[in-house]
């Protein structure tokens, strides 16, 4: 399954932990607080548990979206969509 992780986390330590956890899970950074990639249900659950342990539920926002390839193709991405400094065309081709 394709996973998007988007977040707004106030604490620098927690935010850094989440970005590293996303990268270790095999997700690609597409913007500073946005990751995209494929993982199975167990990997997604593990990542969710890791994130839940470090965020402040009163102040932080984390979105984890699951979709299939057909749903991804139906997404609207406006403007630059991906940060070209972070995402190569090779990574984009994995998803489109």
PDB file of N, CA and C in Angstrom:
ATOM      1  N   UNK A   1       0.832  -1.176   0.000  1.00  0.00           N
ATOM      2  CA  UNK A   1       0.000   0.000   0.000  1.00  0.00           C
ATOM      3  C   UNK A   1       0.874   1.236   0.000  1.00  0.00           C
ATOM      4  N   UNK A   2       0.329   2.315  -0.546  1.00  0.00           N
ATOM      5  CA  UNK A   2       1.032   3.592  -0.583  1.00  0.00           C
ATOM      6  C   UNK A   2       0.634   4.390   0.653  1.00  0.00           C
ATOM      7  N   UNK A   3       1.623   4.975   1.293  1.00  0.00           N
ATOM      8  CA  UNK A   3       1.401   5.712   2.536  1.00  0.00           C
ATOM      9  C   UNK A   3       1.907   7.142   2.396  1.00  0.00           C
ATOM     10  N   UNK A   4       1.092   8.070   2.824  1.00  0.00           N
ATOM     11  CA  UNK A   4       1.500   9.469   2.976  1.00  0.00           C
ATOM     12  C   UNK A   4       1.579   9.754   4.465  1.00  0.00           C
ATOM     13  N   UNK A   5       2.611  10.402   4.912  1.00  0.00           N
ATOM     14  CA  UNK A   5       2.705  10.881   6.295  1.00  0.00           C
ATOM     15  C   UNK A   5       2.959  12.389   6.229  1.00  0.00           C
ATOM     16  N   UNK A   6       2.074  13.147   6.831  1.00  0.00           N
ATOM     17  CA  UNK A   6       2.192  14.601   6.896  1.00  0.00           C
ATOM     18  C   UNK A   6       2.108  15.003   8.362  1.00  0.00           C
ATOM     19  N   UNK A   7       2.900  15.971   8.755  1.00  0.00           N
ATOM     20  CA  UNK A   7       2.841  16.352  10.165  1.00  0.00           C
ATOM     21  C   UNK A   7       3.200  17.807  10.403  1.00  0.00           C
ATOM     22  N   UNK A   8       2.727  18.291  11.531  1.00  0.00           N
ATOM     23  CA  UNK A   8       3.085  19.602  12.075  1.00  0.00           C
ATOM     24  C   UNK A   8       3.364  19.337  13.544  1.00  0.00           C
ATOM     25  N   UNK A   9       4.632  19.219  13.892  1.00  0.00           N
ATOM     26  CA  UNK A   9       5.057  18.855  15.243  1.00  0.00           C
ATOM     27  C   UNK A   9       5.893  20.001  15.797  1.00  0.00           C
ATOM     28  N   UNK A  10       5.527  20.496  16.961  1.00  0.00           N
ATOM     29  CA  UNK A  10       6.169  21.685  17.517  1.00  0.00           C
ATOM     30  C   UNK A  10       7.563  21.411  18.088  1.00  0.00           C
ATOM     31  N   UNK A  11       7.739  20.299  18.763  1.00  0.00           N
ATOM     32  CA  UNK A  11       9.014  19.997  19.419  1.00  0.00           C
ATOM     33  C   UNK A  11      10.041  19.510  18.392  1.00  0.00           C
ATOM     34  N   UNK A  12      11.216  20.159  18.368  1.00  0.00           N
ATOM     35  CA  UNK A  12      12.246  19.791  17.387  1.00  0.00           C
ATOM     36  C   UNK A  12      12.677  18.332  17.516  1.00  0.00           C
ATOM     37  N   UNK A  13      12.854  17.864  18.749  1.00  0.00           N
ATOM     38  CA  UNK A  13      13.304  16.484  18.963  1.00  0.00           C
ATOM     39  C   UNK A  13      12.294  15.476  18.442  1.00  0.00           C
ATOM     40  N   UNK A  14      11.026  15.714  18.756  1.00  0.00           N
ATOM     41  CA  UNK A  14       9.976  14.799  18.286  1.00  0.00           C
ATOM     42  C   UNK A  14       9.866  14.850  16.767  1.00  0.00           C
ATOM     43  N   UNK A  15       9.952  16.074  16.214  1.00  0.00           N
ATOM     44  CA  UNK A  15       9.853  16.232  14.752  1.00  0.00           C
ATOM     45  C   UNK A  15      11.014  15.504  14.055  1.00  0.00           C
ATOM     46  N   UNK A  16      12.217  15.636  14.597  1.00  0.00           N
ATOM     47  CA  UNK A  16      13.370  14.938  14.011  1.00  0.00           C
ATOM     48  C   UNK A  16      13.208  13.422  14.133  1.00  0.00           C
ATOM     49  N   UNK A  17      12.698  12.977  15.271  1.00  0.00           N
ATOM     50  CA  UNK A  17      12.481  11.539  15.453  1.00  0.00           C
ATOM     51  C   UNK A  17      11.510  11.009  14.411  1.00  0.00           C
ATOM     52  N   UNK A  18      10.416  11.733  14.189  1.00  0.00           N
ATOM     53  CA  UNK A  18       9.404  11.277  13.222  1.00  0.00           C
ATOM     54  C   UNK A  18       9.978  11.248  11.808  1.00  0.00           C
ATOM     55  N   UNK A  19      10.747  12.258  11.437  1.00  0.00           N
ATOM     56  CA  UNK A  19      11.309  12.258  10.079  1.00  0.00           C
ATOM     57  C   UNK A  19      12.278  11.086   9.905  1.00  0.00           C
ATOM     58  N   UNK A  20      13.092  10.819  10.932  1.00  0.00           N
ATOM     59  CA  UNK A  20      14.012   9.678  10.842  1.00  0.00           C
ATOM     60  C   UNK A  20      13.256   8.352  10.815  1.00  0.00           C
ATOM     61  N   UNK A  21      12.193   8.248  11.584  1.00  0.00           N
ATOM     62  CA  UNK A  21      11.390   7.016  11.588  1.00  0.00           C
ATOM     63  C   UNK A  21      10.753   6.783  10.216  1.00  0.00           C
ATOM     64  N   UNK A  22      10.290   7.855   9.578  1.00  0.00           N
ATOM     65  CA  UNK A  22       9.709   7.724   8.228  1.00  0.00           C
ATOM     66  C   UNK A  22      10.770   7.244   7.245  1.00  0.00           C
ATOM     67  N   UNK A  23      11.950   7.836   7.310  1.00  0.00           N
ATOM     68  CA  UNK A  23      13.028   7.433   6.398  1.00  0.00           C
ATOM     69  C   UNK A  23      13.441   5.987   6.646  1.00  0.00           C
ATOM     70  N   UNK A  24      13.577   5.602   7.924  1.00  0.00           N
ATOM     71  CA  UNK A  24      13.954   4.222   8.250  1.00  0.00           C
ATOM     72  C   UNK A  24      12.889   3.233   7.802  1.00  0.00           C
ATOM     73  N   UNK A  25      11.647   3.692   7.718  1.00  0.00           N
ATOM     74  CA  UNK A  25      10.552   2.827   7.282  1.00  0.00           C
ATOM     75  C   UNK A  25      10.505   2.679   5.766  1.00  0.00           C
ATOM     76  N   UNK A  26      11.389   3.413   5.075  1.00  0.00           N
ATOM     77  CA  UNK A  26      11.442   3.299   3.628  1.00  0.00           C
ATOM     78  C   UNK A  26      10.634   4.342   2.879  1.00  0.00           C
ATOM     79  N   UNK A  27      10.097   5.329   3.614  1.00  0.00           N
ATOM     80  CA  UNK A  27       9.358   6.393   2.954  1.00  0.00           C
ATOM     81  C   UNK A  27      10.338   7.425   2.400  1.00  0.00           C
ATOM     82  N   UNK A  28       9.879   8.156   1.383  1.00  0.00           N
ATOM     83  CA  UNK A  28      10.677   9.201   0.759  1.00  0.00           C
ATOM     84  C   UNK A  28      10.152  10.551   1.192  1.00  0.00           C
ATOM     85  N   UNK A  29      11.071  11.448   1.494  1.00  0.00           N
ATOM     86  CA  UNK A  29      10.663  12.804   1.857  1.00  0.00           C
ATOM     87  C   UNK A  29      10.326  13.553   0.572  1.00  0.00           C
ATOM     88  N   UNK A  30       9.115  14.100   0.485  1.00  0.00           N
ATOM     89  CA  UNK A  30       8.711  14.851  -0.700  1.00  0.00           C
ATOM     90  C   UNK A  30       8.565  16.344  -0.402  1.00  0.00           C
ATOM     91  N   UNK A  31       8.406  16.700   0.859  1.00  0.00           N
ATOM     92  CA  UNK A  31       8.488  18.066   1.349  1.00  0.00           C
ATOM     93  C   UNK A  31       9.033  17.947   2.770  1.00  0.00           C
ATOM     94  N   UNK A  32       9.318  19.065   3.422  1.00  0.00           N
ATOM     95  CA  UNK A  32       9.960  18.966   4.732  1.00  0.00           C
ATOM     96  C   UNK A  32       9.150  18.185   5.756  1.00  0.00           C
ATOM     97  N   UNK A  33       7.847  18.277   5.715  1.00  0.00           N
ATOM     98  CA  UNK A  33       7.016  17.544   6.684  1.00  0.00           C
ATOM     99  C   UNK A  33       6.053  16.602   5.987  1.00  0.00           C
ATOM    100  N   UNK A  34       6.482  16.054   4.862  1.00  0.00           N
ATOM    101  CA  UNK A  34       5.619  15.174   4.077  1.00  0.00           C
ATOM    102  C   UNK A  34       6.437  14.031   3.484  1.00  0.00           C
ATOM    103  N   UNK A  35       6.010  12.817   3.755  1.00  0.00           N
ATOM    104  CA  UNK A  35       6.705  11.621   3.273  1.00  0.00           C
ATOM    105  C   UNK A  35       5.730  10.756   2.489  1.00  0.00           C
ATOM    106  N   UNK A  36       6.268  10.023   1.527  1.00  0.00           N
ATOM    107  CA  UNK A  36       5.463   9.179   0.659  1.00  0.00           C
ATOM    108  C   UNK A  36       6.246   7.909   0.375  1.00  0.00           C
ATOM    109  N   UNK A  37       5.555   6.792   0.329  1.00  0.00           N
ATOM    110  CA  UNK A  37       6.232   5.540  -0.002  1.00  0.00           C
ATOM    111  C   UNK A  37       5.297   4.362   0.114  1.00  0.00           C
ATOM    112  N   UNK A  38       5.856   3.199  -0.017  1.00  0.00           N
ATOM    113  CA  UNK A  38       5.062   1.983   0.103  1.00  0.00           C
ATOM    114  C   UNK A  38       5.500   1.212   1.341  1.00  0.00           C
ATOM    115  N   UNK A  39       4.545   0.581   1.983  1.00  0.00           N
ATOM    116  CA  UNK A  39       4.835  -0.285   3.127  1.00  0.00           C
ATOM    117  C   UNK A  39       3.650  -1.213   3.338  1.00  0.00           C
ATOM    118  N   UNK A  40       3.897  -2.293   4.060  1.00  0.00           N
ATOM    119  CA  UNK A  40       2.795  -3.207   4.356  1.00  0.00           C
ATOM    120  C   UNK A  40       2.089  -2.763   5.642  1.00  0.00           C
ATOM    121  N   UNK A  41       0.999  -3.433   5.974  1.00  0.00           N
ATOM    122  CA  UNK A  41       0.183  -3.033   7.120  1.00  0.00           C
ATOM    123  C   UNK A  41       0.971  -3.087   8.428  1.00  0.00           C
ATOM    124  N   UNK A  42       1.806  -4.099   8.603  1.00  0.00           N
ATOM    125  CA  UNK A  42       2.597  -4.200   9.835  1.00  0.00           C
ATOM    126  C   UNK A  42       3.594  -3.054   9.960  1.00  0.00           C
ATOM    127  N   UNK A  43       4.234  -2.705   8.843  1.00  0.00           N
ATOM    128  CA  UNK A  43       5.195  -1.593   8.866  1.00  0.00           C
ATOM    129  C   UNK A  43       4.477  -0.277   9.183  1.00  0.00           C
ATOM    130  N   UNK A  44       3.292  -0.098   8.626  1.00  0.00           N
ATOM    131  CA  UNK A  44       2.503   1.122   8.905  1.00  0.00           C
ATOM    132  C   UNK A  44       2.132   1.174  10.385  1.00  0.00           C
ATOM    133  N   UNK A  45       1.669   0.047  10.924  1.00  0.00           N
ATOM    134  CA  UNK A  45       1.300   0.016  12.341  1.00  0.00           C
ATOM    135  C   UNK A  45       2.506   0.317  13.234  1.00  0.00           C
ATOM    136  N   UNK A  46       3.655  -0.239  12.891  1.00  0.00           N
ATOM    137  CA  UNK A  46       4.875   0.007  13.664  1.00  0.00           C
ATOM    138  C   UNK A  46       5.240   1.485  13.645  1.00  0.00           C
ATOM    139  N   UNK A  47       5.168   2.087  12.464  1.00  0.00           N
ATOM    140  CA  UNK A  47       5.476   3.518  12.351  1.00  0.00           C
ATOM    141  C   UNK A  47       4.492   4.351  13.178  1.00  0.00           C
ATOM    142  N   UNK A  48       3.220   4.010  13.129  1.00  0.00           N
ATOM    143  CA  UNK A  48       2.221   4.737  13.919  1.00  0.00           C
ATOM    144  C   UNK A  48       2.534   4.660  15.410  1.00  0.00           C
ATOM    145  N   UNK A  49       2.890   3.480  15.878  1.00  0.00           N
ATOM    146  CA  UNK A  49       3.215   3.323  17.302  1.00  0.00           C
ATOM    147  C   UNK A  49       4.432   4.157  17.686  1.00  0.00           C
ATOM    148  N   UNK A  50       5.443   4.174  16.806  1.00  0.00           N
ATOM    149  CA  UNK A  50       6.647   4.965  17.084  1.00  0.00           C
ATOM    150  C   UNK A  50       6.297   6.451  17.172  1.00  0.00           C
ATOM    151  N   UNK A  51       5.453   6.909  16.258  1.00  0.00           N
ATOM    152  CA  UNK A  51       5.085   8.330  16.240  1.00  0.00           C
ATOM    153  C   UNK A  51       4.239   8.680  17.464  1.00  0.00           C
ATOM    154  N   UNK A  52       3.294   7.811  17.803  1.00  0.00           N
ATOM    155  CA  UNK A  52       2.433   8.071  18.959  1.00  0.00           C
ATOM    156  C   UNK A  52       3.227   8.262  20.242  1.00  0.00           C
ATOM    157  N   UNK A  53       4.359   7.567  20.357  1.00  0.00           N
ATOM    158  CA  UNK A  53       5.160   7.630  21.583  1.00  0.00           C
ATOM    159  C   UNK A  53       5.856   8.971  21.768  1.00  0.00           C
ATOM    160  N   UNK A  54       6.107   9.702  20.676  1.00  0.00           N
ATOM    161  CA  UNK A  54       6.914  10.918  20.800  1.00  0.00           C
ATOM    162  C   UNK A  54       6.144  12.218  20.618  1.00  0.00           C
ATOM    163  N   UNK A  55       4.948  12.151  20.053  1.00  0.00           N
ATOM    164  CA  UNK A  55       4.234  13.412  19.801  1.00  0.00           C
ATOM    165  C   UNK A  55       3.460  13.850  21.042  1.00  0.00           C
ATOM    166  N   UNK A  56       3.138  15.136  21.058  1.00  0.00           N
ATOM    167  CA  UNK A  56       2.272  15.691  22.088  1.00  0.00           C
ATOM    168  C   UNK A  56       0.869  15.756  21.485  1.00  0.00           C
ATOM    169  N   UNK A  57      -0.024  14.939  21.980  1.00  0.00           N
ATOM    170  CA  UNK A  57      -1.371  14.853  21.402  1.00  0.00           C
ATOM    171  C   UNK A  57      -2.172  16.141  21.568  1.00  0.00           C
ATOM    172  N   UNK A  58      -1.733  17.029  22.459  1.00  0.00           N
ATOM    173  CA  UNK A  58      -2.443  18.299  22.660  1.00  0.00           C
ATOM    174  C   UNK A  58      -2.023  19.369  21.661  1.00  0.00           C
ATOM    175  N   UNK A  59      -0.836  19.233  21.094  1.00  0.00           N
ATOM    176  CA  UNK A  59      -0.342  20.313  20.217  1.00  0.00           C
ATOM    177  C   UNK A  59       0.048  19.855  18.817  1.00  0.00           C
ATOM    178  N   UNK A  60       0.393  18.607  18.639  1.00  0.00           N
ATOM    179  CA  UNK A  60       0.931  18.147  17.353  1.00  0.00           C
ATOM    180  C   UNK A  60      -0.159  17.566  16.457  1.00  0.00           C
ATOM    181  N   UNK A  61       0.128  17.606  15.151  1.00  0.00           N
ATOM    182  CA  UNK A  61      -0.811  17.069  14.159  1.00  0.00           C
ATOM    183  C   UNK A  61      -0.055  16.113  13.248  1.00  0.00           C
ATOM    184  N   UNK A  62      -0.559  14.901  13.114  1.00  0.00           N
ATOM    185  CA  UNK A  62       0.056  13.911  12.228  1.00  0.00           C
ATOM    186  C   UNK A  62      -1.053  13.247  11.432  1.00  0.00           C
ATOM    187  N   UNK A  63      -0.877  13.210  10.135  1.00  0.00           N
ATOM    188  CA  UNK A  63      -1.830  12.548   9.252  1.00  0.00           C
ATOM    189  C   UNK A  63      -1.112  11.402   8.565  1.00  0.00           C
ATOM    190  N   UNK A  64      -1.713  10.235   8.596  1.00  0.00           N
ATOM    191  CA  UNK A  64      -1.183   9.083   7.877  1.00  0.00           C
ATOM    192  C   UNK A  64      -2.306   8.584   6.976  1.00  0.00           C
ATOM    193  N   UNK A  65      -2.085   8.725   5.673  1.00  0.00           N
ATOM    194  CA  UNK A  65      -3.086   8.325   4.689  1.00  0.00           C
ATOM    195  C   UNK A  65      -2.614   7.071   3.973  1.00  0.00           C
ATOM    196  N   UNK A  66      -3.527   6.182   3.774  1.00  0.00           N
ATOM    197  CA  UNK A  66      -3.247   4.950   3.036  1.00  0.00           C
ATOM    198  C   UNK A  66      -4.043   4.995   1.733  1.00  0.00           C
ATOM    199  N   UNK A  67      -3.398   4.607   0.642  1.00  0.00           N
ATOM    200  CA  UNK A  67      -4.116   4.563  -0.631  1.00  0.00           C
ATOM    201  C   UNK A  67      -3.464   3.542  -1.543  1.00  0.00           C
ATOM    202  N   UNK A  68      -4.208   3.205  -2.589  1.00  0.00           N
ATOM    203  CA  UNK A  68      -3.629   2.303  -3.586  1.00  0.00           C
ATOM    204  C   UNK A  68      -3.145   3.137  -4.777  1.00  0.00           C
ATOM    205  N   UNK A  69      -2.509   2.479  -5.738  1.00  0.00           N
ATOM    206  CA  UNK A  69      -1.902   3.192  -6.859  1.00  0.00           C
ATOM    207  C   UNK A  69      -2.958   3.934  -7.698  1.00  0.00           C
ATOM    208  N   UNK A  70      -4.129   3.339  -7.854  1.00  0.00           N
ATOM    209  CA  UNK A  70      -5.186   4.000  -8.624  1.00  0.00           C
ATOM    210  C   UNK A  70      -5.642   5.280  -7.929  1.00  0.00           C
ATOM    211  N   UNK A  71      -5.780   5.242  -6.614  1.00  0.00           N
ATOM    212  CA  UNK A  71      -6.167   6.439  -5.872  1.00  0.00           C
ATOM    213  C   UNK A  71      -5.089   7.510  -5.960  1.00  0.00           C
ATOM    214  N   UNK A  72      -3.828   7.101  -5.936  1.00  0.00           N
ATOM    215  CA  UNK A  72      -2.730   8.061  -6.050  1.00  0.00           C
ATOM    216  C   UNK A  72      -2.794   8.783  -7.391  1.00  0.00           C
ATOM    217  N   UNK A  73      -3.109   8.052  -8.451  1.00  0.00           N
ATOM    218  CA  UNK A  73      -3.189   8.659  -9.787  1.00  0.00           C
ATOM    219  C   UNK A  73      -4.302   9.693  -9.868  1.00  0.00           C
ATOM    220  N   UNK A  74      -5.309   9.574  -8.987  1.00  0.00           N
ATOM    221  CA  UNK A  74      -6.424  10.515  -8.994  1.00  0.00           C
ATOM    222  C   UNK A  74      -6.176  11.745  -8.118  1.00  0.00           C
ATOM    223  N   UNK A  75      -5.047  11.775  -7.422  1.00  0.00           N
ATOM    224  CA  UNK A  75      -4.731  12.915  -6.558  1.00  0.00           C
ATOM    225  C   UNK A  75      -4.417  14.145  -7.401  1.00  0.00           C
ATOM    226  N   UNK A  76      -4.821  15.295  -6.913  1.00  0.00           N
ATOM    227  CA  UNK A  76      -4.456  16.556  -7.538  1.00  0.00           C
ATOM    228  C   UNK A  76      -3.222  17.083  -6.829  1.00  0.00           C
ATOM    229  N   UNK A  77      -2.217  17.368  -7.586  1.00  0.00           N
ATOM    230  CA  UNK A  77      -1.001  17.963  -7.030  1.00  0.00           C
ATOM    231  C   UNK A  77      -0.765  19.250  -7.782  1.00  0.00           C
ATOM    232  N   UNK A  78      -0.802  20.353  -7.085  1.00  0.00           N
ATOM    233  CA  UNK A  78      -0.735  21.661  -7.711  1.00  0.00           C
ATOM    234  C   UNK A  78       0.632  22.301  -7.480  1.00  0.00           C
ATOM    235  N   UNK A  79       0.944  23.224  -8.321  1.00  0.00           N
ATOM    236  CA  UNK A  79       2.224  23.909  -8.173  1.00  0.00           C
ATOM    237  C   UNK A  79       3.368  22.934  -8.350  1.00  0.00           C
ATOM    238  N   UNK A  80       4.362  23.072  -7.543  1.00  0.00           N
ATOM    239  CA  UNK A  80       5.534  22.197  -7.640  1.00  0.00           C
ATOM    240  C   UNK A  80       5.285  20.827  -7.007  1.00  0.00           C
ATOM    241  N   UNK A  81       4.279  20.716  -6.144  1.00  0.00           N
ATOM    242  CA  UNK A  81       3.898  19.465  -5.484  1.00  0.00           C
ATOM    243  C   UNK A  81       5.037  18.859  -4.680  1.00  0.00           C
ATOM    244  N   UNK A  82       6.124  18.527  -5.346  1.00  0.00           N
ATOM    245  CA  UNK A  82       7.269  17.946  -4.647  1.00  0.00           C
ATOM    246  C   UNK A  82       8.396  18.972  -4.592  1.00  0.00           C
ATOM    247  N   UNK A  83       9.160  18.911  -3.531  1.00  0.00           N
ATOM    248  CA  UNK A  83      10.324  19.773  -3.394  1.00  0.00           C
ATOM    249  C   UNK A  83      11.451  19.149  -4.219  1.00  0.00           C
ATOM    250  N   UNK A  84      11.831  19.805  -5.313  1.00  0.00           N
ATOM    251  CA  UNK A  84      12.840  19.238  -6.216  1.00  0.00           C
ATOM    252  C   UNK A  84      14.193  19.031  -5.554  1.00  0.00           C
ATOM    253  N   UNK A  85      14.457  19.743  -4.446  1.00  0.00           N
ATOM    254  CA  UNK A  85      15.721  19.530  -3.733  1.00  0.00           C
ATOM    255  C   UNK A  85      15.701  18.201  -2.989  1.00  0.00           C
ATOM    256  N   UNK A  86      14.503  17.694  -2.710  1.00  0.00           N
ATOM    257  CA  UNK A  86      14.374  16.473  -1.917  1.00  0.00           C
ATOM    258  C   UNK A  86      14.017  15.252  -2.761  1.00  0.00           C
ATOM    259  N   UNK A  87      13.348  15.476  -3.889  1.00  0.00           N
ATOM    260  CA  UNK A  87      12.801  14.356  -4.656  1.00  0.00           C
ATOM    261  C   UNK A  87      13.391  14.320  -6.056  1.00  0.00           C
ATOM    262  N   UNK A  88      13.897  13.182  -6.431  1.00  0.00           N
ATOM    263  CA  UNK A  88      14.433  13.024  -7.785  1.00  0.00           C
ATOM    264  C   UNK A  88      13.338  12.507  -8.704  1.00  0.00           C
ATOM    265  N   UNK A  89      13.542  12.638  -9.997  1.00  0.00           N
ATOM    266  CA  UNK A  89      12.585  12.100 -10.965  1.00  0.00           C
ATOM    267  C   UNK A  89      12.473  10.579 -10.826  1.00  0.00           C
ATOM    268  N   UNK A  90      13.556   9.950 -10.420  1.00  0.00           N
ATOM    269  CA  UNK A  90      13.546   8.494 -10.220  1.00  0.00           C
ATOM    270  C   UNK A  90      12.535   8.105  -9.138  1.00  0.00           C
ATOM    271  N   UNK A  91      12.488   8.865  -8.064  1.00  0.00           N
ATOM    272  CA  UNK A  91      11.525   8.582  -6.988  1.00  0.00           C
ATOM    273  C   UNK A  91      10.107   8.861  -7.462  1.00  0.00           C
ATOM    274  N   UNK A  92       9.903   9.982  -8.180  1.00  0.00           N
ATOM    275  CA  UNK A  92       8.569  10.298  -8.700  1.00  0.00           C
ATOM    276  C   UNK A  92       8.058   9.177  -9.587  1.00  0.00           C
ATOM    277  N   UNK A  93       8.943   8.595 -10.389  1.00  0.00           N
ATOM    278  CA  UNK A  93       8.516   7.545 -11.322  1.00  0.00           C
ATOM    279  C   UNK A  93       8.051   6.283 -10.595  1.00  0.00           C
ATOM    280  N   UNK A  94       8.428   6.120  -9.343  1.00  0.00           N
ATOM    281  CA  UNK A  94       7.966   4.960  -8.573  1.00  0.00           C
ATOM    282  C   UNK A  94       6.465   5.026  -8.323  1.00  0.00           C
ATOM    283  N   UNK A  95       5.928   6.229  -8.338  1.00  0.00           N
ATOM    284  CA  UNK A  95       4.541   6.407  -7.938  1.00  0.00           C
ATOM    285  C   UNK A  95       3.609   6.808  -9.075  1.00  0.00           C
ATOM    286  N   UNK A  96       4.156   7.314 -10.166  1.00  0.00           N
ATOM    287  CA  UNK A  96       3.282   7.819 -11.243  1.00  0.00           C
ATOM    288  C   UNK A  96       3.595   7.132 -12.555  1.00  0.00           C
TER     289      UNK A  96
END
